Protein backbone atom coordinates (compact mmCIF):
# COMPACT_ATOMS: atom_id res chain seq x y z
CA MET A 1 144.18 41.64 146.10
CA HIS A 2 142.30 43.45 148.57
CA ASP A 3 138.76 44.31 147.26
CA PHE A 4 137.18 47.60 148.18
CA THR A 5 134.44 47.31 150.67
CA GLU A 6 131.91 49.48 152.38
CA THR A 7 134.08 48.92 156.00
CA ASP A 8 137.02 50.60 153.87
CA ALA A 9 135.11 53.33 152.74
CA LYS A 10 133.90 53.98 156.59
CA VAL A 11 137.22 53.90 157.73
CA ASN A 12 138.58 56.39 155.04
CA TRP A 13 135.63 58.90 155.90
CA LYS A 14 136.47 58.42 159.47
CA GLU A 15 140.48 58.99 158.79
CA TYR A 16 139.36 62.26 156.63
CA LEU A 17 137.01 63.47 159.72
CA ASP A 18 140.25 62.61 162.19
CA VAL A 19 142.35 64.75 160.14
CA ILE A 20 139.95 67.51 159.93
CA ARG A 21 139.72 67.63 163.65
CA ARG A 22 143.28 67.45 164.11
CA ARG A 23 144.07 70.22 161.69
CA ARG A 24 140.78 72.34 162.07
CA ARG A 25 142.68 75.35 163.03
CA TRP A 26 144.92 75.19 159.72
CA VAL A 27 141.44 75.35 157.73
CA LEU A 28 139.37 77.78 159.42
CA VAL A 29 142.26 80.18 160.16
CA PRO A 30 143.17 80.63 156.40
CA ALA A 31 139.51 80.44 155.26
CA PHE A 32 138.59 83.34 157.53
CA ALA A 33 141.67 85.01 156.65
CA VAL A 34 141.06 85.17 152.92
CA TRP A 35 137.44 85.72 153.20
CA LEU A 36 138.20 88.86 155.46
CA VAL A 37 140.80 89.98 153.19
CA VAL A 38 138.81 89.64 149.90
CA PHE A 39 135.75 91.30 151.81
CA THR A 40 137.71 93.88 152.82
CA VAL A 41 139.52 94.64 149.36
CA GLY A 42 135.60 94.37 147.99
CA TRP A 43 134.36 96.63 150.30
CA LEU A 44 137.09 99.49 149.82
CA LEU A 45 136.72 98.89 146.10
CA PRO A 46 134.66 101.96 144.41
CA SER A 47 130.73 101.32 143.88
CA LYS A 48 129.74 101.61 140.61
CA TYR A 49 126.20 102.83 139.74
CA ARG A 50 124.53 101.86 136.44
CA SER A 51 121.96 103.97 134.90
CA GLU A 52 119.78 102.69 132.19
CA SER A 53 117.41 104.14 129.47
CA VAL A 54 115.37 102.72 126.42
CA ILE A 55 114.84 104.12 123.19
CA LEU A 56 112.04 102.98 121.03
CA VAL A 57 112.29 102.96 117.05
CA GLU A 58 108.86 104.18 116.46
CA ARG A 59 107.53 103.68 112.88
CA PRO A 60 106.27 106.32 110.35
CA THR A 61 103.06 107.29 111.73
CA VAL A 62 101.53 107.91 107.85
CA PRO A 63 101.25 104.48 106.27
CA LYS A 64 103.77 103.53 103.48
CA ASP A 65 101.10 103.34 101.01
CA TYR A 66 100.06 106.84 101.35
CA VAL A 67 103.63 108.39 101.65
CA THR A 68 106.62 106.54 100.73
CA PRO A 69 110.00 107.39 102.83
CA ASN A 70 112.87 108.85 101.15
CA VAL A 71 115.01 107.38 103.49
CA ASP A 72 115.87 103.69 103.51
CA THR A 73 118.29 102.83 106.15
CA ASP A 74 119.42 99.87 108.34
CA VAL A 75 118.40 100.61 111.97
CA ARG A 76 121.56 98.58 113.19
CA GLU A 77 123.91 100.38 110.56
CA GLN A 78 122.16 103.46 111.62
CA LEU A 79 122.58 102.93 115.43
CA GLN A 80 126.31 101.96 114.97
CA SER A 81 127.24 105.43 113.07
CA MET A 82 125.22 107.50 115.62
CA THR A 83 127.28 105.60 118.59
CA GLN A 84 130.41 106.66 116.84
CA GLN A 85 129.27 110.28 116.42
CA ILE A 86 128.19 110.46 119.72
CA ILE A 87 131.22 108.63 121.59
CA SER A 88 133.36 110.78 119.56
CA ARG A 89 136.20 112.90 121.24
CA ASP A 90 134.55 116.24 121.18
CA ARG A 91 131.17 115.41 122.21
CA LEU A 92 132.57 113.47 125.13
CA GLN A 93 134.76 115.96 126.23
CA GLN A 94 132.07 118.48 126.53
CA ILE A 95 129.93 116.09 128.82
CA ILE A 96 133.17 115.55 130.84
CA THR A 97 133.37 119.19 131.28
CA GLN A 98 130.09 119.92 131.80
CA ARG A 99 129.57 117.00 134.44
CA HIS A 100 132.99 117.44 135.93
CA LEU A 101 133.36 113.49 135.21
CA TYR A 102 136.63 112.11 136.57
CA ALA A 103 137.91 114.94 138.26
CA GLY A 104 139.75 113.10 141.09
CA LYS A 105 141.74 110.68 138.52
CA ARG A 106 145.03 111.34 137.44
CA LEU A 107 144.88 110.62 133.82
CA SER A 108 145.61 112.02 130.58
CA PRO A 109 142.55 113.31 128.45
CA ASP A 110 142.88 110.41 126.01
CA GLU A 111 142.84 107.91 128.67
CA VAL A 112 139.69 109.90 130.40
CA ILE A 113 137.89 109.71 126.81
CA ASP A 114 138.60 105.92 126.57
CA LEU A 115 137.46 105.19 130.38
CA MET A 116 134.29 106.84 129.77
CA ARG A 117 133.98 105.20 126.30
CA SER A 118 134.29 102.15 128.47
CA ASP A 119 131.50 103.25 130.75
CA ILE A 120 129.06 103.79 128.00
CA SER A 121 127.09 100.93 126.80
CA VAL A 122 124.52 100.90 123.81
CA GLU A 123 122.98 97.33 123.13
CA PRO A 124 119.59 96.15 121.19
CA VAL A 125 116.61 95.26 123.39
CA THR A 126 115.73 91.83 123.77
CA GLY A 127 112.95 90.01 125.04
CA ILE A 128 109.59 91.08 124.71
CA LEU A 129 110.09 94.36 122.51
CA GLN A 130 112.25 92.47 120.32
CA GLN A 131 109.51 89.94 119.33
CA ARG A 132 107.98 93.15 117.43
CA ALA A 133 111.01 93.18 115.02
CA GLY A 134 109.91 93.02 111.42
CA ALA A 135 110.65 90.13 109.06
CA ASN A 136 113.97 91.70 108.52
CA ASN A 137 114.65 91.32 112.03
CA GLN A 138 115.41 95.09 112.83
CA PRO A 139 115.47 96.12 116.38
CA VAL A 140 112.72 97.98 117.87
CA ALA A 141 114.33 99.06 120.66
CA PHE A 142 118.04 99.79 122.35
CA GLN A 143 119.23 100.44 125.64
CA VAL A 144 121.68 103.30 126.28
CA SER A 145 123.24 103.09 129.59
CA TYR A 146 126.17 104.54 131.84
CA THR A 147 128.27 103.69 134.95
CA ALA A 148 129.68 106.19 137.20
CA GLU A 149 130.50 106.03 140.83
CA ARG A 150 127.58 108.47 141.85
CA PRO A 151 123.72 107.40 140.95
CA LEU A 152 122.61 110.80 140.41
CA VAL A 153 125.83 111.31 137.87
CA ALA A 154 124.98 108.18 136.21
CA GLN A 155 121.34 109.18 135.65
CA GLN A 156 122.15 112.48 134.36
CA VAL A 157 124.62 111.46 131.72
CA THR A 158 122.64 108.73 130.65
CA ALA A 159 119.59 110.97 130.34
CA GLN A 160 121.93 113.32 128.31
CA LEU A 161 123.12 110.58 125.86
CA ALA A 162 119.84 109.23 125.45
CA SER A 163 119.07 112.84 124.26
CA LEU A 164 121.68 113.01 122.23
CA PHE A 165 120.70 109.79 120.53
CA ILE A 166 117.01 111.18 119.75
CA ASP A 167 118.22 114.38 118.78
CA GLU A 168 120.93 113.15 116.12
CA ASN A 169 118.36 110.39 114.69
CA LEU A 170 116.03 113.45 114.00
CA ARG A 171 118.80 115.62 112.56
CA GLN A 172 120.21 112.63 110.42
CA GLN A 173 116.66 111.70 109.36
CA GLN A 174 115.72 115.30 108.41
CA GLN A 175 118.95 115.92 106.48
CA ARG A 176 119.12 112.84 104.72
CA SER A 177 115.51 113.33 103.39
CA ALA A 178 116.21 116.96 102.72
CA SER A 179 119.31 116.06 100.50
CA THR A 180 117.20 113.19 98.65
CA THR A 181 114.67 116.00 97.68
CA ASP A 182 117.39 118.32 96.40
CA PHE A 183 119.19 115.39 94.69
CA LEU A 184 115.67 114.69 92.82
CA LYS A 185 115.13 118.64 92.32
CA ALA A 186 118.68 118.90 90.30
CA GLN A 187 117.73 115.57 88.02
CA LEU A 188 114.43 117.01 87.46
CA ASP A 189 115.77 120.35 86.18
CA ASP A 190 118.33 118.28 84.14
CA ALA A 191 115.28 116.25 82.62
CA ARG A 192 113.26 119.44 82.31
CA ARG A 193 116.35 120.83 80.09
CA HIS A 194 116.96 118.09 78.00
CA LEU A 195 113.32 117.76 77.21
CA ASP A 196 113.02 121.28 76.22
CA ASP A 197 115.95 120.57 73.87
CA VAL A 198 114.35 117.60 72.27
CA SER A 199 111.19 119.48 71.75
CA GLN A 200 112.80 122.48 70.16
CA LYS A 201 114.82 119.95 67.92
CA LEU A 202 111.32 117.95 66.73
CA GLN A 203 109.75 121.60 66.02
CA THR A 204 112.61 122.81 64.05
CA PHE A 205 112.80 119.69 62.42
CA THR A 206 108.87 119.69 61.79
CA THR A 207 109.35 123.74 60.44
CA GLU A 208 112.08 123.04 58.42
CA HIS A 209 110.87 119.91 56.60
CA LEU A 210 107.22 121.01 56.21
CA GLY A 211 105.90 119.17 53.14
CA GLU A 212 108.10 115.97 53.74
CA LEU A 213 106.56 114.58 56.89
CA PRO A 214 104.70 111.38 56.58
CA ASP A 215 101.13 112.68 57.55
CA GLN A 216 101.44 115.19 54.59
CA THR A 217 101.91 112.29 52.03
CA ALA A 218 98.40 112.14 51.10
CA ALA A 219 98.27 116.06 50.45
CA ASN A 220 101.33 115.80 48.28
CA GLN A 221 99.64 113.30 46.10
CA GLN A 222 96.38 115.21 45.76
CA ALA A 223 98.37 118.30 44.91
CA VAL A 224 100.64 116.15 42.25
CA ALA A 225 97.57 115.01 40.59
CA SER A 226 96.26 118.42 40.77
CA LEU A 227 99.08 119.82 39.43
CA GLN A 228 99.38 117.25 36.63
CA GLY A 229 95.78 117.76 35.69
CA ARG A 230 96.60 121.24 35.05
CA LEU A 231 99.77 120.53 33.00
CA GLN A 232 97.75 118.43 30.78
CA GLU A 233 95.37 121.15 30.32
CA THR A 234 98.40 123.53 29.85
CA GLU A 235 100.01 121.18 27.24
CA SER A 236 96.85 121.08 25.35
CA GLU A 237 96.41 124.80 25.35
CA ILE A 238 100.24 124.90 24.01
CA THR A 239 99.53 122.48 21.45
CA HIS A 240 96.62 124.47 20.29
CA ALA A 241 98.46 127.62 20.23
CA GLU A 242 101.42 125.95 18.40
CA GLN A 243 98.77 124.88 15.81
CA GLN A 244 97.28 128.19 15.50
CA GLN A 245 100.63 130.00 15.30
CA THR A 246 101.54 127.39 12.40
CA TYR A 247 98.30 128.69 10.59
CA LEU A 248 99.01 131.97 11.31
CA ALA A 249 102.22 131.40 9.88
CA SER A 250 101.45 130.14 6.65
CA LEU A 251 99.08 132.79 6.29
CA GLN A 252 101.63 135.37 6.74
CA LYS A 253 103.72 133.56 4.29
CA GLN A 254 101.01 134.02 1.69
CA TYR A 255 101.48 137.80 2.02
CA GLN A 256 105.20 137.71 2.52
CA THR A 257 107.23 135.31 0.54
CA VAL A 258 110.45 136.68 1.79
CA GLN A 259 109.01 135.82 5.42
CA SER A 260 108.66 132.22 4.48
CA SER A 261 111.84 131.84 3.34
CA ILE A 262 113.25 133.45 6.49
CA GLY A 263 110.75 131.23 8.64
CA SER A 264 112.04 128.26 6.92
CA ALA A 265 115.53 129.04 7.33
CA SER A 266 115.29 129.67 11.03
CA PRO A 267 116.68 127.20 13.32
CA ALA A 268 114.04 125.86 15.72
CA GLY A 269 116.17 123.91 18.43
CA PRO A 270 114.62 122.09 21.11
CA THR A 271 111.13 122.81 22.44
CA ASP A 272 110.41 124.36 25.88
CA THR A 273 108.78 121.26 26.80
CA GLU A 274 111.50 119.27 25.93
CA ILE A 275 113.73 121.59 28.33
CA GLN A 276 111.15 121.32 31.17
CA THR A 277 110.81 117.19 30.95
CA MET A 278 114.91 117.50 31.26
CA LYS A 279 114.64 119.83 34.48
CA ALA A 280 111.81 117.42 35.91
CA LYS A 281 114.15 114.18 35.31
CA LEU A 282 116.87 115.84 36.83
CA ALA A 283 114.93 116.95 40.10
CA ASP A 284 113.70 113.57 40.29
CA LEU A 285 117.33 112.05 40.15
CA ARG A 286 118.44 114.69 42.81
CA ALA A 287 116.00 113.58 45.35
CA ARG A 288 116.93 110.20 44.93
CA TYR A 289 120.88 110.47 44.43
CA LYS A 290 123.72 112.51 44.93
CA ASP A 291 124.83 115.28 42.60
CA ASP A 292 127.97 113.26 41.79
CA TYR A 293 125.59 110.39 40.15
CA PRO A 294 126.75 109.54 36.79
CA ASP A 295 122.89 110.20 35.11
CA ILE A 296 122.76 113.45 36.85
CA ILE A 297 126.12 115.03 35.55
CA SER A 298 125.24 113.61 32.11
CA LEU A 299 121.61 115.08 32.13
CA LYS A 300 123.22 118.51 33.57
CA ARG A 301 125.33 118.75 30.30
CA GLN A 302 122.45 117.76 27.98
CA LEU A 303 120.36 120.30 29.66
CA ALA A 304 123.03 123.07 29.22
CA ALA A 305 123.46 122.43 25.61
CA ALA A 306 119.74 122.34 25.02
CA GLU A 307 119.39 125.97 26.75
CA LYS A 308 122.16 127.04 24.78
CA SER A 309 120.61 125.76 21.44
CA ARG A 310 117.45 127.40 22.69
CA LYS A 311 118.96 130.71 23.24
CA GLN A 312 120.71 130.72 19.77
CA ALA A 313 117.41 129.43 18.03
CA ALA A 314 115.47 132.50 19.75
CA ALA A 315 117.99 134.97 18.81
CA LYS A 316 118.12 134.05 14.90
CA ASN A 317 114.51 134.07 14.91
CA ALA A 318 114.11 137.48 16.32
CA ALA A 319 116.53 138.71 14.08
CA ASN A 320 114.55 137.56 11.15
CA ASP A 321 111.47 139.10 12.55
CA ASN A 322 113.40 141.81 12.50
CA ALA A 323 114.34 141.83 9.04
CA THR A 324 110.70 141.07 8.10
CA ALA A 325 109.37 144.17 9.56
CA ALA A 326 112.19 146.05 8.16
CA LYS A 327 111.05 144.79 4.46
CA THR A 328 107.41 145.24 5.50
CA PRO A 329 106.13 148.00 3.06
CA THR A 330 104.95 150.99 4.88
CA PRO A 331 101.33 152.08 3.61
CA THR A 332 101.13 155.55 2.10
CA SER A 333 97.33 155.94 1.14
CA TYR A 334 94.27 154.73 2.13
CA ALA A 335 94.30 152.06 -0.64
CA ASP A 336 97.45 150.77 0.37
CA LEU A 337 96.04 150.37 3.76
CA GLN A 338 93.21 148.36 2.67
CA ALA A 339 95.42 146.21 0.69
CA MET A 340 97.89 145.58 3.56
CA SER A 341 95.16 144.86 5.98
CA PRO A 342 94.78 141.16 6.21
CA MET A 343 98.68 140.86 6.42
CA LEU A 344 98.68 143.16 9.22
CA GLN A 345 95.75 141.41 10.84
CA ALA A 346 97.47 138.03 10.28
CA ASP A 347 101.03 139.57 11.66
CA SER A 348 99.19 141.21 14.66
CA GLN A 349 97.33 137.78 15.32
CA LEU A 350 100.76 135.65 15.09
CA LYS A 351 102.33 138.24 17.74
CA ALA A 352 99.28 137.76 19.92
CA ASN A 353 99.27 133.87 19.54
CA ALA A 354 103.37 134.24 20.63
CA VAL A 355 102.69 135.87 23.41
CA ALA A 356 99.89 133.65 24.65
CA LEU A 357 102.08 130.73 23.80
CA GLU A 358 105.18 132.20 25.92
CA SER A 359 102.43 132.60 28.67
CA LEU A 360 101.57 128.79 28.31
CA GLN A 361 105.07 127.51 28.40
CA ARG A 362 105.79 129.85 31.34
CA GLN A 363 102.96 128.37 33.17
CA SER A 364 103.96 124.80 31.85
CA ARG A 365 107.50 125.43 33.26
CA VAL A 366 105.93 126.55 36.88
CA LEU A 367 103.39 123.29 37.07
CA GLN A 368 106.43 121.20 36.29
CA GLY A 369 108.94 122.64 38.85
CA GLN A 370 105.80 122.62 41.35
CA ILE A 371 105.23 118.76 40.50
CA ALA A 372 108.85 117.84 40.86
CA THR A 373 109.29 119.90 44.00
CA TYR A 374 106.05 117.78 45.19
CA THR A 375 107.75 114.67 43.93
CA ALA A 376 110.85 115.36 45.59
CA ARG A 377 109.15 115.70 49.07
CA MET A 378 107.47 112.41 48.39
CA TYR A 379 110.82 110.55 47.71
CA SER A 380 112.27 112.11 50.88
CA VAL A 381 109.42 110.61 53.00
CA PRO A 382 111.27 107.58 54.06
CA VAL A 383 114.24 109.15 55.29
CA ARG A 384 112.03 111.98 57.00
CA GLN A 385 110.14 109.16 58.43
CA GLN A 386 113.08 107.38 60.10
CA GLN A 387 114.50 110.82 61.46
CA LEU A 388 110.89 111.89 62.88
CA ASP A 389 110.52 108.34 64.54
CA GLN A 390 113.94 108.69 66.23
CA LEU A 391 113.40 112.39 67.56
CA ASN A 392 109.69 111.18 68.62
CA ARG A 393 111.48 108.30 70.73
CA ASP A 394 113.97 110.69 72.29
CA TYR A 395 110.88 113.11 72.93
CA GLN A 396 108.79 110.41 74.77
CA GLN A 397 111.78 108.93 76.55
CA ALA A 398 112.75 112.47 77.79
CA GLN A 399 108.94 113.17 78.72
CA GLN A 400 108.70 109.59 80.54
CA ASN A 401 111.95 110.40 82.24
CA TYR A 402 110.76 113.98 83.45
CA GLU A 403 107.36 112.71 84.62
CA ALA A 404 109.12 109.78 86.40
CA LEU A 405 111.50 112.26 88.40
CA LEU A 406 108.36 114.58 88.87
CA ALA A 407 106.50 111.89 91.03
CA LYS A 408 109.70 110.90 92.46
CA LYS A 409 110.35 114.38 93.65
CA ASN A 410 106.60 115.11 94.72
CA GLU A 411 107.04 111.84 96.79
CA SER A 412 110.14 112.98 98.21
CA GLU A 413 109.11 116.46 99.11
CA LEU A 414 106.21 114.66 100.91
CA ALA A 415 108.61 112.44 103.01
CA THR A 416 110.73 115.59 103.68
CA ASP A 417 107.73 117.40 105.01
CA LEU A 418 106.93 114.28 107.25
CA GLU A 419 110.14 114.22 108.43
CA MET A 420 110.14 117.60 109.13
CA ARG A 421 106.75 117.46 111.06
CA GLN A 422 108.47 114.46 112.87
CA GLN A 423 105.89 111.97 111.90
CA GLY A 424 108.63 109.50 110.19
CA GLU A 425 110.49 107.05 111.51
CA ARG A 426 112.10 108.49 115.07
CA PHE A 427 113.51 107.39 118.29
CA VAL A 428 111.24 108.14 121.08
CA LEU A 429 112.42 107.49 124.72
CA LEU A 430 110.46 104.73 126.42
CA ASP A 431 111.92 104.56 129.54
CA GLN A 432 113.62 107.21 131.23
CA ALA A 433 117.14 107.34 132.74
CA SER A 434 117.06 105.12 136.13
CA LEU A 435 118.01 106.15 139.31
CA PRO A 436 119.98 103.24 140.83
CA ASP A 437 119.72 102.42 144.45
CA GLN A 438 122.19 99.53 144.26
CA PRO A 439 125.72 99.49 142.74
CA ASP A 440 126.10 97.44 139.40
CA SER A 441 129.60 96.86 140.54
CA PRO A 442 131.66 95.21 142.22
CA ASN A 443 129.04 92.16 143.39
CA ARG A 444 130.50 91.93 146.99
CA LEU A 445 128.42 89.21 147.94
CA LEU A 446 129.90 87.40 145.02
CA LEU A 447 133.10 88.23 146.22
CA SER A 448 132.37 87.35 150.01
CA LEU A 449 131.17 84.13 148.92
CA LEU A 450 134.15 83.34 146.50
CA GLY A 451 136.64 84.54 149.19
CA LEU A 452 134.89 81.94 151.54
CA LEU A 453 135.34 79.25 149.29
CA GLY A 454 138.94 80.19 148.23
CA GLY A 455 139.99 80.37 151.99
CA PHE A 456 138.50 76.61 152.75
CA VAL A 457 140.27 75.53 149.54
CA LEU A 458 143.73 77.35 150.61
CA GLY A 459 142.94 75.86 154.37
CA GLY A 460 142.27 72.10 153.01
CA VAL A 461 145.72 72.62 151.07
CA PHE A 462 147.74 73.81 154.15
CA ALA A 463 145.90 70.81 156.33
CA ALA A 464 146.77 68.50 153.81
CA GLY A 465 150.29 69.87 153.49
CA ARG A 466 150.94 69.66 157.52
CA GLU A 467 149.39 66.32 157.83
CA LEU A 468 151.86 64.83 155.19
CA LEU A 469 154.73 66.35 156.87
CA ASP A 470 153.84 65.25 160.40
CA ASP A 471 155.38 61.58 161.21
CA ARG A 472 153.42 61.05 164.15
CA ILE A 473 151.09 57.92 164.04
CA PHE A 474 147.50 58.64 165.11
CA THR A 475 145.79 55.38 164.36
CA ARG A 476 146.14 51.74 165.42
CA ASP A 477 145.75 50.45 161.63
CA LYS A 478 148.63 52.60 160.70
CA VAL A 479 150.80 50.93 163.83
CA GLU A 480 150.06 47.31 162.72
CA ALA A 481 150.92 48.37 158.79
CA LEU A 482 154.42 49.51 159.99
CA VAL A 483 155.21 46.90 163.12
CA PRO A 484 155.09 43.21 161.71
CA VAL A 485 154.03 42.44 165.60
CA ALA A 486 150.43 41.65 167.04
CA ILE A 487 149.56 44.55 169.28
CA LEU A 488 148.04 43.09 172.41
CA ALA A 489 146.78 46.27 174.29
CA THR A 490 146.76 50.12 173.87
CA ILE A 491 146.87 52.63 176.65
CA PRO A 492 144.52 55.08 176.14
CA PRO A 493 145.44 58.90 176.97
CA LEU A 494 145.71 59.72 180.96
CA PRO A 495 145.39 63.36 181.16
CA THR A 496 145.62 65.21 184.32
CA THR A 497 142.81 67.51 185.83
CA ALA A 498 144.68 70.49 184.71
CA GLU A 499 145.20 69.42 181.43
CA VAL A 500 141.55 68.28 181.35
CA ARG A 501 140.73 71.92 182.33
CA GLN A 502 143.28 73.38 180.17
CA ALA A 503 141.87 71.60 177.00
CA GLY A 504 137.97 72.52 177.80
CA ARG A 505 139.43 76.02 177.69
CA VAL A 506 141.05 75.70 174.64
CA ARG A 507 137.77 74.02 172.95
CA ARG A 508 135.52 77.13 174.39
CA ARG A 509 137.72 79.28 172.86
CA GLU A 510 137.87 77.84 169.72
CA TRP A 511 134.12 77.47 169.63
CA TRP A 512 133.71 80.72 170.80
CA LEU A 513 136.14 81.92 167.80
CA SER A 514 134.62 80.12 165.43
CA ALA A 515 131.05 81.42 166.32
CA ALA A 516 132.37 84.87 166.24
CA ALA A 517 134.13 84.15 162.80
CA LEU A 518 130.82 82.37 161.75
CA LEU A 519 128.61 85.56 162.70
CA LEU A 520 131.01 88.01 161.00
CA VAL A 521 130.91 86.07 157.68
CA ALA A 522 127.22 86.04 157.85
CA ALA A 523 126.65 89.38 158.85
CA GLY A 524 129.34 90.59 156.41
CA SER A 525 127.28 88.44 153.60
CA PHE A 526 124.20 89.99 154.42
CA VAL A 527 125.22 93.48 154.26
CA ALA A 528 126.86 92.93 150.78
CA PHE A 529 123.63 91.16 149.76
CA TYR A 530 121.33 94.25 151.04
CA ARG A 531 123.63 97.02 150.45
CA GLY A 532 125.69 95.80 147.28
């Protein structure tokens, strides 16, 4: 097996160089032709000038500790939304009509809009400014650019786009802030009406249940104690009056035997004290139970029967009194009058005592009713306590909600005023739209170099193909490889003088053409580098 040596490498490189020398025209001519075509096409392509403007996202001038912003939006989302609004069909059509853009292009309106959108670029700024972003990685600046065939047009359109971004941001910030304030005002009005309703309910409840409230329990207890004391005094007076009435009645019987028999036959019936006791007990039961409670129904029946019996007894007593009065003899002389004087005095005292007893009994009934009323109030305190607590909780909750909304509304009004004064978060023009002095595209220097490289590649392919298709032998090694005999000698080329001269002219022509082509490539690359 033949080992690869340094001699073989030298021989191979020599063969390649020989091939290049023999096929130099097949390499240089396509290389120059391809470069020339690419350079010409690149030079004929219309130049595109790119103008750029940088907009800074300025933070609020007033710290958040003093005025809390009422608009909290993500800068990236806001920028994306604003971009979609600014590059909308209507706005771009206005700019196209105003600036007479794409006038020489035979395109439909939709194609013109799409072409302008492709020429507009909005990107966050990276680098030193982006290092100032906060912990949420919000961009602090973004770049607006536009590409046009004329530098001035690119600058004007870029400046107009930047102005649209600044105006749209200001309008959106003010609109969102005002909308937040209006929303809080509406919520505050609802909270105020709800607070007024709850306050009115609380006031109505307090008025309707005056005396049954928890804070009035002590006063009710004092009133009950006072009324019970007065009731005891009244009952004592009633007892004394009843005793006096009994005494006077017995005294009267001594003068009128008939009155005694009538008085003994007269039914007494239930006393007023018993009836008032039954009424107080009924009021107590009603305060704790409903009217369909069995004890209440039974007590009502007993009370009705007692009152009926009492009325019947009173009617009979009245009839007896009338009869007694009718039977009382009428004095006809001064002697008769003196004889009847003790009886008349006893009768008068008995009537006066009856009137006083009736007044005391009436007063007792009033006191018992008042005691029952105050007792019922005290029994209803736990229920009123629960109702009052619920109303107080509703009122406190409504008041807290109202105060919280009021604070938020005041803060929102300050934030809205801050936005109206343009001291909130806003877009500020950091770099004016630039006037480009060189085209951004096409990159003619790059096209020139790529064309030259492609030409050499194509020339190498042509040279290799021509070499493979040529069946001539140019080296001694290939002859020895083909002929199995030893080569004793080689005959060098023996050109004539004319052939030598002709070969010299050809070589000089080639050198001149190569030099001219090299100068042309260098000059074209130089122009492409300095003039775009």
